Amino acid sequence: MNARLLLKYWRTILVVAEMTIRQQLMDGFIIFTVLFQPIIIALLALWMLKGKGPEYAIFVVVGSGLTGLWSSLLFISGNSINAERWSGTLESLVALPTPFEVIVFGKNLANVIQSLSSMVLGYFVAAFLFGYDLTISQPLYFALSIFISIFAFISFGLIIAPVFVMNPGVRHWQNAMEFPVYLLCGFLFPIALLPGWTTPISYLLPPYWAAVALHGTTTPGTPPNEIFFAWGMMFVFSVIDLLIASRLFKLMLYKARADATLGME
């Protein structure tokens, strides 16, 4: 997948995203994953940090939103292809002239957009329930970081989805993969508090650079160069992820057609 393909099918991506959001509005598991779970995490963290000041509160608000983004990427985007298989629509989608990865891109876009609502709700919870006066130190950079992070998360999700299809056993580790990423990516506290040997692992995870950019734009005194570097790393990882995802989708579809197992678990 490349930028030209995304621009060519941008209407399809938006339509798929809209339909996915409509379908998921009544799904209790998805609502809990992208909305209630991050709010619960934010409430617990804000309660533990009560009286520490607004700079801690805004860190928690952003971090709780990122936990929702990762959870939706892991559970919802990861199972997006299998969901179509379970509903009996996978064969029809693969047979369309539109590349299948474009459709999955639109589904991932919907999941990420829904997850961002938890960050907004966390802001209001911190502001009204706990009385914090929250401000974003660099609002323009924060908005740009949001858009870049969305693209980085979607690109990363395009790798996870075909991997879950070709290796069904990976899904058994979904719950175990959730909280380690919370820790390694510094969603709720800096990775400097972790053992030094974990730092290289954090650098290899695209969500870590999203956390660096978003936390940096909400924390006063963060050098712009640090934010720009995080943007650059997200861009690099997004390009790599799209290239890998393109190969994985071709391999997945070829294997499914050759084995005649497209609609089978």
Protein backbone atom coordinates (compact mmCIF):
# COMPACT_ATOMS: atom_id res chain seq x y z
CA MET A 1 0.00 0.00 0.00
CA ASN A 2 1.22 3.50 -0.82
CA ALA A 3 0.06 7.10 -0.61
CA ARG A 4 -1.20 7.07 -4.20
CA LEU A 5 -3.49 4.15 -3.42
CA LEU A 6 -4.87 5.90 -0.33
CA LEU A 7 -5.54 9.10 -2.27
CA LYS A 8 -7.22 7.18 -5.08
CA TYR A 9 -9.64 5.42 -2.74
CA TRP A 10 -10.14 8.16 -0.13
CA ARG A 11 -13.91 8.17 -0.69
CA THR A 12 -14.06 4.43 -0.11
CA ILE A 13 -12.02 4.78 3.09
CA LEU A 14 -14.42 7.41 4.47
CA VAL A 15 -17.51 5.37 3.55
CA VAL A 16 -16.07 2.24 5.18
CA ALA A 17 -15.16 4.24 8.29
CA GLU A 18 -18.67 5.69 8.54
CA MET A 19 -20.33 2.28 8.13
CA THR A 20 -17.98 0.72 10.68
CA ILE A 21 -18.78 3.40 13.26
CA ARG A 22 -22.51 2.90 12.71
CA GLN A 23 -22.17 -0.86 13.16
CA GLN A 24 -20.05 -0.60 16.29
CA LEU A 25 -22.22 1.92 18.12
CA MET A 26 -24.36 -0.93 19.45
CA ASP A 27 -21.52 -3.33 20.26
CA GLY A 28 -21.06 -3.51 24.03
CA PHE A 29 -17.52 -4.90 23.89
CA ILE A 30 -16.33 -2.14 21.57
CA ILE A 31 -18.01 0.60 23.59
CA PHE A 32 -16.32 -0.71 26.75
CA THR A 33 -12.93 -1.06 25.05
CA VAL A 34 -12.76 2.38 23.43
CA LEU A 35 -14.76 4.39 25.96
CA PHE A 36 -15.31 2.98 29.44
CA GLN A 37 -12.01 1.19 30.00
CA PRO A 38 -9.86 4.31 29.30
CA ILE A 39 -12.16 6.40 31.52
CA ILE A 40 -11.79 3.88 34.36
CA ILE A 41 -8.00 4.01 33.96
CA ALA A 42 -8.11 7.82 33.97
CA LEU A 43 -10.30 7.92 37.10
CA LEU A 44 -8.01 5.59 39.01
CA ALA A 45 -4.87 7.46 37.98
CA LEU A 46 -6.37 10.88 38.71
CA TRP A 47 -7.54 9.68 42.12
CA MET A 48 -4.04 8.40 42.96
CA LEU A 49 -2.47 11.66 41.75
CA LYS A 50 -5.04 13.88 43.46
CA GLY A 51 -3.46 17.16 44.48
CA LYS A 52 -0.33 16.71 42.34
CA GLY A 53 -1.24 19.50 39.94
CA PRO A 54 -2.69 19.97 36.44
CA GLU A 55 0.55 18.92 34.69
CA TYR A 56 0.12 15.40 36.07
CA ALA A 57 -3.59 15.40 35.25
CA ILE A 58 -3.13 16.28 31.58
CA PHE A 59 -0.46 13.57 31.31
CA VAL A 60 -2.98 11.04 32.63
CA VAL A 61 -5.75 12.28 30.33
CA VAL A 62 -3.58 11.91 27.23
CA GLY A 63 -2.20 8.58 28.43
CA SER A 64 -5.63 7.11 29.14
CA GLY A 65 -6.71 8.07 25.63
CA LEU A 66 -3.67 6.30 24.22
CA THR A 67 -4.59 3.14 26.14
CA GLY A 68 -7.95 3.22 24.36
CA LEU A 69 -6.20 3.63 21.01
CA TRP A 70 -3.95 0.64 21.61
CA SER A 71 -6.76 -1.54 22.95
CA SER A 72 -8.95 -0.81 19.92
CA LEU A 73 -6.01 -1.50 17.63
CA LEU A 74 -5.24 -4.80 19.34
CA PHE A 75 -8.72 -6.21 19.83
CA ILE A 76 -10.93 -4.54 17.22
CA SER A 77 -8.58 -3.79 14.34
CA GLY A 78 -6.72 -7.04 14.90
CA ASN A 79 -9.94 -9.00 14.49
CA SER A 80 -11.39 -6.81 11.73
CA ILE A 81 -10.77 -9.43 9.01
CA ASN A 82 -11.99 -12.29 11.17
CA ALA A 83 -15.13 -10.30 11.97
CA GLU A 84 -15.94 -10.20 8.26
CA ARG A 85 -15.22 -13.93 8.03
CA TRP A 86 -17.56 -14.70 10.95
CA SER A 87 -20.36 -12.61 9.40
CA GLY A 88 -19.95 -14.29 5.98
CA THR A 89 -18.97 -11.12 4.09
CA LEU A 90 -15.24 -11.73 3.66
CA GLU A 91 -15.53 -13.42 0.26
CA SER A 92 -17.61 -10.54 -1.13
CA LEU A 93 -15.15 -7.92 0.11
CA VAL A 94 -12.16 -9.75 -1.35
CA ALA A 95 -13.93 -10.07 -4.70
CA LEU A 96 -14.46 -6.30 -4.99
CA PRO A 97 -12.30 -4.27 -7.40
CA THR A 98 -11.24 -2.14 -4.43
CA PRO A 99 -8.05 -3.50 -2.81
CA PHE A 100 -8.91 -5.32 0.39
CA GLU A 101 -6.29 -3.46 2.44
CA VAL A 102 -8.05 -0.20 1.60
CA ILE A 103 -11.22 -1.51 3.23
CA VAL A 104 -9.30 -2.61 6.33
CA PHE A 105 -7.65 0.84 6.41
CA GLY A 106 -11.11 2.43 6.59
CA LYS A 107 -12.15 0.07 9.38
CA ASN A 108 -9.01 0.92 11.35
CA LEU A 109 -9.68 4.62 10.82
CA ALA A 110 -13.11 4.21 12.40
CA ASN A 111 -11.66 2.38 15.39
CA VAL A 112 -9.02 5.04 16.02
CA ILE A 113 -11.49 7.92 15.69
CA GLN A 114 -13.84 6.27 18.16
CA SER A 115 -11.00 5.74 20.61
CA LEU A 116 -10.12 9.44 20.57
CA SER A 117 -13.48 10.14 22.24
CA SER A 118 -12.09 8.60 25.44
CA MET A 119 -9.38 11.29 25.52
CA VAL A 120 -12.01 14.01 25.21
CA LEU A 121 -14.12 12.47 27.98
CA GLY A 122 -11.04 12.07 30.15
CA TYR A 123 -10.37 15.79 29.75
CA PHE A 124 -13.85 16.69 30.97
CA VAL A 125 -13.63 14.20 33.85
CA ALA A 126 -10.36 15.74 35.03
CA ALA A 127 -11.65 19.28 34.58
CA PHE A 128 -15.09 18.96 36.19
CA LEU A 129 -14.94 15.97 38.51
CA PHE A 130 -11.49 16.65 39.95
CA GLY A 131 -11.43 20.41 39.39
CA TYR A 132 -8.21 20.60 37.40
CA ASP A 133 -7.56 23.62 35.19
CA LEU A 134 -6.15 21.79 32.19
CA THR A 135 -4.32 23.55 29.38
CA ILE A 136 -2.46 22.30 26.33
CA SER A 137 0.85 24.11 26.14
CA GLN A 138 1.24 23.80 22.34
CA PRO A 139 -2.26 23.39 20.85
CA LEU A 140 -1.20 23.59 17.19
CA TYR A 141 1.51 20.97 17.61
CA PHE A 142 -0.93 18.88 19.65
CA ALA A 143 -3.48 18.89 16.82
CA LEU A 144 -0.81 17.93 14.29
CA SER A 145 0.41 15.19 16.63
CA ILE A 146 -3.13 13.80 16.81
CA PHE A 147 -3.38 13.52 13.01
CA ILE A 148 0.07 11.97 12.64
CA SER A 149 -0.64 9.55 15.50
CA ILE A 150 -3.90 8.47 13.88
CA PHE A 151 -2.09 7.58 10.66
CA ALA A 152 0.68 5.79 12.57
CA PHE A 153 -1.80 3.71 14.59
CA ILE A 154 -3.82 2.81 11.48
CA SER A 155 -0.66 1.73 9.63
CA PHE A 156 0.41 -0.41 12.57
CA GLY A 157 -3.06 -1.96 12.69
CA LEU A 158 -2.75 -3.02 9.05
CA ILE A 159 0.07 -5.34 10.10
CA ILE A 160 -1.77 -6.79 13.07
CA ALA A 161 -4.94 -7.75 11.14
CA PRO A 162 -3.42 -10.19 8.58
CA VAL A 163 -1.06 -11.62 11.20
CA PHE A 164 -4.06 -12.55 13.36
CA VAL A 165 -5.67 -14.27 10.36
CA MET A 166 -2.61 -16.26 9.27
CA ASN A 167 -1.67 -17.17 12.84
CA PRO A 168 -4.88 -17.79 14.82
CA GLY A 169 -2.86 -18.71 17.89
CA VAL A 170 -1.69 -15.10 18.23
CA ARG A 171 -5.21 -14.08 19.27
CA HIS A 172 -4.82 -16.16 22.42
CA TRP A 173 -2.16 -13.68 23.53
CA GLN A 174 -4.23 -10.54 22.99
CA ASN A 175 -4.93 -9.92 26.67
CA ALA A 176 -1.27 -10.51 27.51
CA MET A 177 -0.17 -7.99 24.85
CA GLU A 178 -2.33 -5.14 26.13
CA PHE A 179 -0.76 -3.95 29.39
CA PRO A 180 2.93 -4.46 28.49
CA VAL A 181 2.49 -1.93 25.67
CA TYR A 182 0.87 0.50 28.13
CA LEU A 183 4.07 0.28 30.17
CA LEU A 184 6.68 0.12 27.42
CA CYS A 185 5.19 3.04 25.48
CA GLY A 186 5.01 5.37 28.47
CA PHE A 187 1.30 6.03 28.21
CA LEU A 188 0.76 6.73 31.93
CA PHE A 189 4.32 7.32 33.17
CA PRO A 190 7.74 7.98 31.57
CA ILE A 191 9.72 4.95 30.40
CA ALA A 192 12.69 6.34 32.37
CA LEU A 193 11.12 4.67 35.40
CA LEU A 194 11.49 1.25 33.74
CA PRO A 195 14.69 -0.87 33.67
CA GLY A 196 17.20 0.37 31.13
CA TRP A 197 17.11 -2.81 29.02
CA THR A 198 13.47 -2.10 28.08
CA THR A 199 14.25 1.26 26.42
CA PRO A 200 15.29 -0.16 22.99
CA ILE A 201 12.04 -2.14 22.92
CA SER A 202 10.07 1.06 23.49
CA TYR A 203 11.89 2.78 20.63
CA LEU A 204 10.73 0.04 18.24
CA LEU A 205 7.04 0.52 19.07
CA PRO A 206 5.20 3.17 17.01
CA PRO A 207 2.74 3.94 19.87
CA TYR A 208 5.72 5.08 21.97
CA TRP A 209 6.50 7.90 19.55
CA ALA A 210 2.83 8.90 19.52
CA ALA A 211 3.00 9.13 23.32
CA VAL A 212 6.19 11.22 23.12
CA ALA A 213 4.57 13.68 20.70
CA LEU A 214 1.26 13.99 22.52
CA HIS A 215 2.76 14.20 26.01
CA GLY A 216 5.36 16.65 24.75
CA THR A 217 2.81 19.04 23.26
CA THR A 218 0.80 19.10 26.50
CA THR A 219 3.79 19.50 28.85
CA PRO A 220 5.22 23.01 29.24
CA GLY A 221 8.85 23.45 28.33
CA THR A 222 9.14 20.56 25.87
CA PRO A 223 11.64 21.47 23.11
CA PRO A 224 10.06 21.56 19.63
CA ASN A 225 12.93 19.42 18.29
CA GLU A 226 11.80 16.54 20.50
CA ILE A 227 8.28 16.77 19.07
CA PHE A 228 9.55 17.01 15.49
CA PHE A 229 11.74 13.96 16.02
CA ALA A 230 8.74 11.97 17.29
CA TRP A 231 6.78 13.03 14.19
CA GLY A 232 9.62 11.86 11.98
CA MET A 233 9.81 8.49 13.72
CA MET A 234 6.05 8.00 13.34
CA PHE A 235 6.31 8.83 9.65
CA VAL A 236 9.18 6.37 9.16
CA PHE A 237 7.34 3.61 11.01
CA SER A 238 4.14 4.33 9.05
CA VAL A 239 5.93 3.91 5.71
CA ILE A 240 7.57 0.69 6.90
CA ASP A 241 4.28 -0.63 8.28
CA LEU A 242 2.42 0.09 5.03
CA LEU A 243 5.06 -1.72 2.98
CA ILE A 244 5.01 -4.74 5.29
CA ALA A 245 1.20 -4.73 5.40
CA SER A 246 0.98 -4.72 1.60
CA ARG A 247 3.12 -7.86 1.44
CA LEU A 248 1.19 -9.52 4.27
CA PHE A 249 -2.18 -8.89 2.62
CA LYS A 250 -0.97 -10.38 -0.67
CA LEU A 251 0.41 -13.40 1.16
CA MET A 252 -2.74 -13.83 3.22
CA LEU A 253 -5.08 -13.68 0.22
CA TYR A 254 -2.87 -15.94 -1.90
CA LYS A 255 -2.66 -18.52 0.87
CA ALA A 256 -6.41 -18.37 1.56
CA ARG A 257 -7.26 -18.83 -2.13
CA ALA A 258 -4.69 -21.57 -2.69
CA ASP A 259 -5.89 -23.49 0.36
CA ALA A 260 -9.58 -22.66 -0.30
CA THR A 261 -9.92 -21.47 3.29
CA LEU A 262 -10.98 -17.85 2.75
CA GLY A 263 -14.26 -18.27 4.60
CA MET A 264 -12.99 -20.82 7.12
CA GLU A 265 -11.46 -20.26 10.55
